[in-house]
Amino acid sequence: MQTVEDYLHYLKGKGFQFQEDAVGFIYFGKHYTNASDELINAAIEMTLKAQKSFDGSFYVLLLETFISNQLITRKDVLKFMKENEIAAI
């Protein structure tokens, strides 16, 4: 499993540029929800896929939704997103 820092570095290598405020928002969401790195990374991925860029409000909403639905793994997230038609993934 990748840490959030490793995942952000990976995305940077793929051409995604995160502004300082976006990175701050990512870590705010992590501490606010106490989510695992796997769940944080999944929320970042789903935010980018759904919004085509990083949207901090959407990201935190996803995190809160994942936590309230007791999702733990990326696989859980993918299944939940598909079942609830939240975004085209």
N, C-alpha and C. Protein backbone atom coordinates (compact mmCIF):
# COMPACT_ATOMS: atom_id res chain seq x y z
N MET A 1 0.84 -1.19 0.00
CA MET A 1 0.00 0.00 0.00
C MET A 1 0.88 1.25 0.00
N GLN A 2 0.48 2.22 -0.79
CA GLN A 2 1.23 3.47 -0.88
C GLN A 2 0.78 4.45 0.20
N THR A 3 1.73 5.20 0.71
CA THR A 3 1.38 6.30 1.60
C THR A 3 0.77 7.41 0.75
N VAL A 4 0.10 8.35 1.39
CA VAL A 4 -0.47 9.49 0.67
C VAL A 4 0.66 10.26 -0.03
N GLU A 5 1.75 10.46 0.67
CA GLU A 5 2.89 11.18 0.08
C GLU A 5 3.41 10.46 -1.16
N ASP A 6 3.56 9.14 -1.09
CA ASP A 6 4.01 8.36 -2.25
C ASP A 6 3.02 8.46 -3.41
N TYR A 7 1.72 8.42 -3.08
CA TYR A 7 0.69 8.49 -4.11
C TYR A 7 0.70 9.86 -4.80
N LEU A 8 0.85 10.92 -4.02
CA LEU A 8 0.92 12.25 -4.62
C LEU A 8 2.15 12.38 -5.51
N HIS A 9 3.26 11.79 -5.09
CA HIS A 9 4.47 11.80 -5.90
C HIS A 9 4.25 11.02 -7.20
N TYR A 10 3.58 9.88 -7.10
CA TYR A 10 3.24 9.07 -8.27
C TYR A 10 2.38 9.88 -9.25
N LEU A 11 1.35 10.56 -8.72
CA LEU A 11 0.47 11.36 -9.57
C LEU A 11 1.22 12.52 -10.22
N LYS A 12 2.14 13.11 -9.49
CA LYS A 12 2.96 14.19 -10.05
C LYS A 12 3.75 13.67 -11.25
N GLY A 13 4.27 12.44 -11.13
CA GLY A 13 4.99 11.82 -12.23
C GLY A 13 4.10 11.56 -13.44
N LYS A 14 2.80 11.46 -13.21
CA LYS A 14 1.83 11.24 -14.29
C LYS A 14 1.31 12.56 -14.86
N GLY A 15 1.80 13.68 -14.31
CA GLY A 15 1.43 14.98 -14.85
C GLY A 15 0.41 15.77 -14.06
N PHE A 16 -0.06 15.22 -12.94
CA PHE A 16 -1.00 15.95 -12.10
C PHE A 16 -0.22 16.90 -11.20
N GLN A 17 -0.52 18.18 -11.31
CA GLN A 17 0.13 19.18 -10.48
C GLN A 17 -0.84 19.65 -9.41
N PHE A 18 -0.49 19.43 -8.17
CA PHE A 18 -1.32 19.86 -7.05
C PHE A 18 -0.75 21.14 -6.47
N GLN A 19 -1.59 22.15 -6.33
CA GLN A 19 -1.17 23.38 -5.67
C GLN A 19 -1.00 23.10 -4.19
N GLU A 20 -0.28 23.98 -3.50
CA GLU A 20 -0.05 23.81 -2.07
C GLU A 20 -1.35 23.71 -1.28
N ASP A 21 -2.34 24.52 -1.67
CA ASP A 21 -3.61 24.48 -0.95
C ASP A 21 -4.33 23.14 -1.13
N ALA A 22 -4.18 22.53 -2.30
CA ALA A 22 -4.80 21.22 -2.54
C ALA A 22 -4.13 20.16 -1.67
N VAL A 23 -2.83 20.19 -1.58
CA VAL A 23 -2.11 19.23 -0.73
C VAL A 23 -2.51 19.44 0.73
N GLY A 24 -2.63 20.69 1.14
CA GLY A 24 -3.08 20.98 2.49
C GLY A 24 -4.47 20.43 2.74
N PHE A 25 -5.35 20.55 1.75
CA PHE A 25 -6.71 20.05 1.87
C PHE A 25 -6.71 18.53 1.99
N ILE A 26 -5.84 17.88 1.23
CA ILE A 26 -5.74 16.41 1.28
C ILE A 26 -5.38 15.96 2.70
N TYR A 27 -4.39 16.61 3.28
CA TYR A 27 -3.98 16.24 4.63
C TYR A 27 -4.99 16.67 5.69
N PHE A 28 -5.69 17.78 5.43
CA PHE A 28 -6.77 18.18 6.33
C PHE A 28 -7.83 17.08 6.36
N GLY A 29 -8.24 16.60 5.19
CA GLY A 29 -9.24 15.54 5.09
C GLY A 29 -8.79 14.27 5.79
N LYS A 30 -7.51 13.97 5.66
CA LYS A 30 -6.96 12.77 6.31
C LYS A 30 -7.10 12.88 7.83
N HIS A 31 -6.74 14.02 8.38
CA HIS A 31 -6.81 14.19 9.83
C HIS A 31 -8.25 14.36 10.31
N TYR A 32 -9.06 15.05 9.52
CA TYR A 32 -10.46 15.30 9.87
C TYR A 32 -11.25 13.99 9.97
N THR A 33 -11.00 13.06 9.04
CA THR A 33 -11.75 11.81 9.02
C THR A 33 -11.01 10.65 9.67
N ASN A 34 -9.72 10.85 9.94
CA ASN A 34 -8.89 9.78 10.49
C ASN A 34 -8.89 8.55 9.58
N ALA A 35 -8.95 8.79 8.29
CA ALA A 35 -8.99 7.72 7.30
C ALA A 35 -7.59 7.16 7.04
N SER A 36 -7.56 5.92 6.58
CA SER A 36 -6.30 5.26 6.24
C SER A 36 -5.75 5.87 4.94
N ASP A 37 -4.47 5.65 4.71
CA ASP A 37 -3.85 6.12 3.47
C ASP A 37 -4.55 5.50 2.25
N GLU A 38 -4.93 4.25 2.35
CA GLU A 38 -5.60 3.59 1.23
C GLU A 38 -6.91 4.29 0.89
N LEU A 39 -7.67 4.68 1.90
CA LEU A 39 -8.93 5.37 1.67
C LEU A 39 -8.70 6.79 1.15
N ILE A 40 -7.69 7.47 1.67
CA ILE A 40 -7.34 8.80 1.20
C ILE A 40 -6.95 8.74 -0.28
N ASN A 41 -6.10 7.79 -0.62
CA ASN A 41 -5.66 7.65 -2.01
C ASN A 41 -6.85 7.35 -2.92
N ALA A 42 -7.78 6.51 -2.47
CA ALA A 42 -8.96 6.21 -3.26
C ALA A 42 -9.82 7.46 -3.45
N ALA A 43 -9.95 8.27 -2.40
CA ALA A 43 -10.73 9.50 -2.51
C ALA A 43 -10.08 10.48 -3.48
N ILE A 44 -8.76 10.57 -3.45
CA ILE A 44 -8.04 11.43 -4.41
C ILE A 44 -8.31 10.93 -5.83
N GLU A 45 -8.15 9.63 -6.03
CA GLU A 45 -8.35 9.02 -7.36
C GLU A 45 -9.77 9.28 -7.86
N MET A 46 -10.77 9.03 -7.01
CA MET A 46 -12.17 9.21 -7.42
C MET A 46 -12.49 10.68 -7.67
N THR A 47 -11.90 11.57 -6.90
CA THR A 47 -12.10 13.00 -7.12
C THR A 47 -11.55 13.40 -8.48
N LEU A 48 -10.35 12.95 -8.80
CA LEU A 48 -9.75 13.29 -10.10
C LEU A 48 -10.54 12.71 -11.25
N LYS A 49 -11.04 11.49 -11.08
CA LYS A 49 -11.82 10.86 -12.16
C LYS A 49 -13.17 11.54 -12.35
N ALA A 50 -13.81 11.92 -11.27
CA ALA A 50 -15.14 12.52 -11.36
C ALA A 50 -15.10 13.99 -11.76
N GLN A 51 -14.12 14.72 -11.24
CA GLN A 51 -14.07 16.18 -11.43
C GLN A 51 -13.07 16.61 -12.50
N LYS A 52 -12.22 15.71 -12.93
CA LYS A 52 -11.16 15.98 -13.93
C LYS A 52 -10.08 16.91 -13.40
N SER A 53 -10.19 17.30 -12.14
CA SER A 53 -9.17 18.08 -11.45
C SER A 53 -9.45 17.88 -9.96
N PHE A 54 -8.59 18.43 -9.11
CA PHE A 54 -8.81 18.25 -7.68
C PHE A 54 -9.78 19.29 -7.16
N ASP A 55 -10.86 18.82 -6.56
CA ASP A 55 -11.88 19.68 -5.94
C ASP A 55 -11.94 19.30 -4.47
N GLY A 56 -11.43 20.19 -3.61
CA GLY A 56 -11.33 19.89 -2.19
C GLY A 56 -12.65 19.56 -1.52
N SER A 57 -13.71 20.27 -1.89
CA SER A 57 -15.02 20.01 -1.28
C SER A 57 -15.53 18.63 -1.66
N PHE A 58 -15.39 18.27 -2.92
CA PHE A 58 -15.83 16.95 -3.39
C PHE A 58 -15.03 15.86 -2.70
N TYR A 59 -13.73 16.07 -2.59
CA TYR A 59 -12.84 15.12 -1.93
C TYR A 59 -13.26 14.85 -0.48
N VAL A 60 -13.51 15.92 0.28
CA VAL A 60 -13.91 15.74 1.69
C VAL A 60 -15.28 15.07 1.76
N LEU A 61 -16.19 15.43 0.88
CA LEU A 61 -17.50 14.79 0.85
C LEU A 61 -17.36 13.29 0.59
N LEU A 62 -16.50 12.93 -0.36
CA LEU A 62 -16.26 11.52 -0.63
C LEU A 62 -15.69 10.81 0.60
N LEU A 63 -14.70 11.43 1.22
CA LEU A 63 -14.10 10.83 2.42
C LEU A 63 -15.15 10.60 3.50
N GLU A 64 -15.96 11.60 3.76
CA GLU A 64 -17.01 11.47 4.77
C GLU A 64 -17.98 10.35 4.41
N THR A 65 -18.31 10.25 3.13
CA THR A 65 -19.20 9.20 2.65
C THR A 65 -18.57 7.82 2.82
N PHE A 66 -17.30 7.72 2.49
CA PHE A 66 -16.60 6.44 2.64
C PHE A 66 -16.58 6.01 4.10
N ILE A 67 -16.28 6.94 4.99
CA ILE A 67 -16.20 6.64 6.42
C ILE A 67 -17.58 6.26 6.95
N SER A 68 -18.60 7.03 6.61
CA SER A 68 -19.94 6.76 7.14
C SER A 68 -20.50 5.43 6.63
N ASN A 69 -20.01 4.97 5.48
CA ASN A 69 -20.44 3.69 4.93
C ASN A 69 -19.47 2.56 5.27
N GLN A 70 -18.54 2.86 6.15
CA GLN A 70 -17.58 1.89 6.67
C GLN A 70 -16.79 1.17 5.57
N LEU A 71 -16.40 1.94 4.56
CA LEU A 71 -15.56 1.38 3.50
C LEU A 71 -14.12 1.37 4.01
N ILE A 72 -13.38 0.35 3.65
CA ILE A 72 -12.03 0.20 4.17
C ILE A 72 -10.98 0.16 3.06
N THR A 73 -11.29 -0.55 1.98
CA THR A 73 -10.31 -0.74 0.91
C THR A 73 -10.71 -0.02 -0.37
N ARG A 74 -9.76 0.10 -1.28
CA ARG A 74 -10.04 0.69 -2.59
C ARG A 74 -11.10 -0.14 -3.30
N LYS A 75 -11.04 -1.45 -3.14
CA LYS A 75 -12.03 -2.34 -3.75
C LYS A 75 -13.44 -2.01 -3.23
N ASP A 76 -13.56 -1.77 -1.92
CA ASP A 76 -14.84 -1.36 -1.34
C ASP A 76 -15.33 -0.06 -1.97
N VAL A 77 -14.40 0.87 -2.15
CA VAL A 77 -14.74 2.18 -2.72
C VAL A 77 -15.24 2.02 -4.15
N LEU A 78 -14.52 1.24 -4.96
CA LEU A 78 -14.93 1.05 -6.35
C LEU A 78 -16.32 0.43 -6.43
N LYS A 79 -16.57 -0.56 -5.60
CA LYS A 79 -17.88 -1.22 -5.58
C LYS A 79 -18.96 -0.23 -5.16
N PHE A 80 -18.71 0.54 -4.13
CA PHE A 80 -19.67 1.53 -3.63
C PHE A 80 -19.97 2.59 -4.70
N MET A 81 -18.93 3.10 -5.33
CA MET A 81 -19.10 4.14 -6.35
C MET A 81 -19.94 3.61 -7.52
N LYS A 82 -19.68 2.39 -7.92
CA LYS A 82 -20.42 1.79 -9.04
C LYS A 82 -21.87 1.54 -8.65
N GLU A 83 -22.09 0.94 -7.48
CA GLU A 83 -23.45 0.62 -7.03
C GLU A 83 -24.31 1.86 -6.86
N ASN A 84 -23.70 2.95 -6.43
CA ASN A 84 -24.44 4.18 -6.18
C ASN A 84 -24.35 5.20 -7.30
N GLU A 85 -23.70 4.79 -8.39
CA GLU A 85 -23.56 5.62 -9.58
C GLU A 85 -23.11 7.04 -9.24
N ILE A 86 -22.10 7.12 -8.39
CA ILE A 86 -21.61 8.42 -7.94
C ILE A 86 -20.78 9.09 -9.01
N ALA A 87 -20.00 8.32 -9.73
CA ALA A 87 -19.17 8.90 -10.79
C ALA A 87 -18.86 7.81 -11.80
N ALA A 88 -18.60 8.23 -13.01
CA ALA A 88 -18.20 7.28 -14.04
C ALA A 88 -16.75 6.90 -13.77
N ILE A 89 -16.55 5.67 -13.34
CA ILE A 89 -15.19 5.21 -13.04
C ILE A 89 -14.78 4.09 -13.94
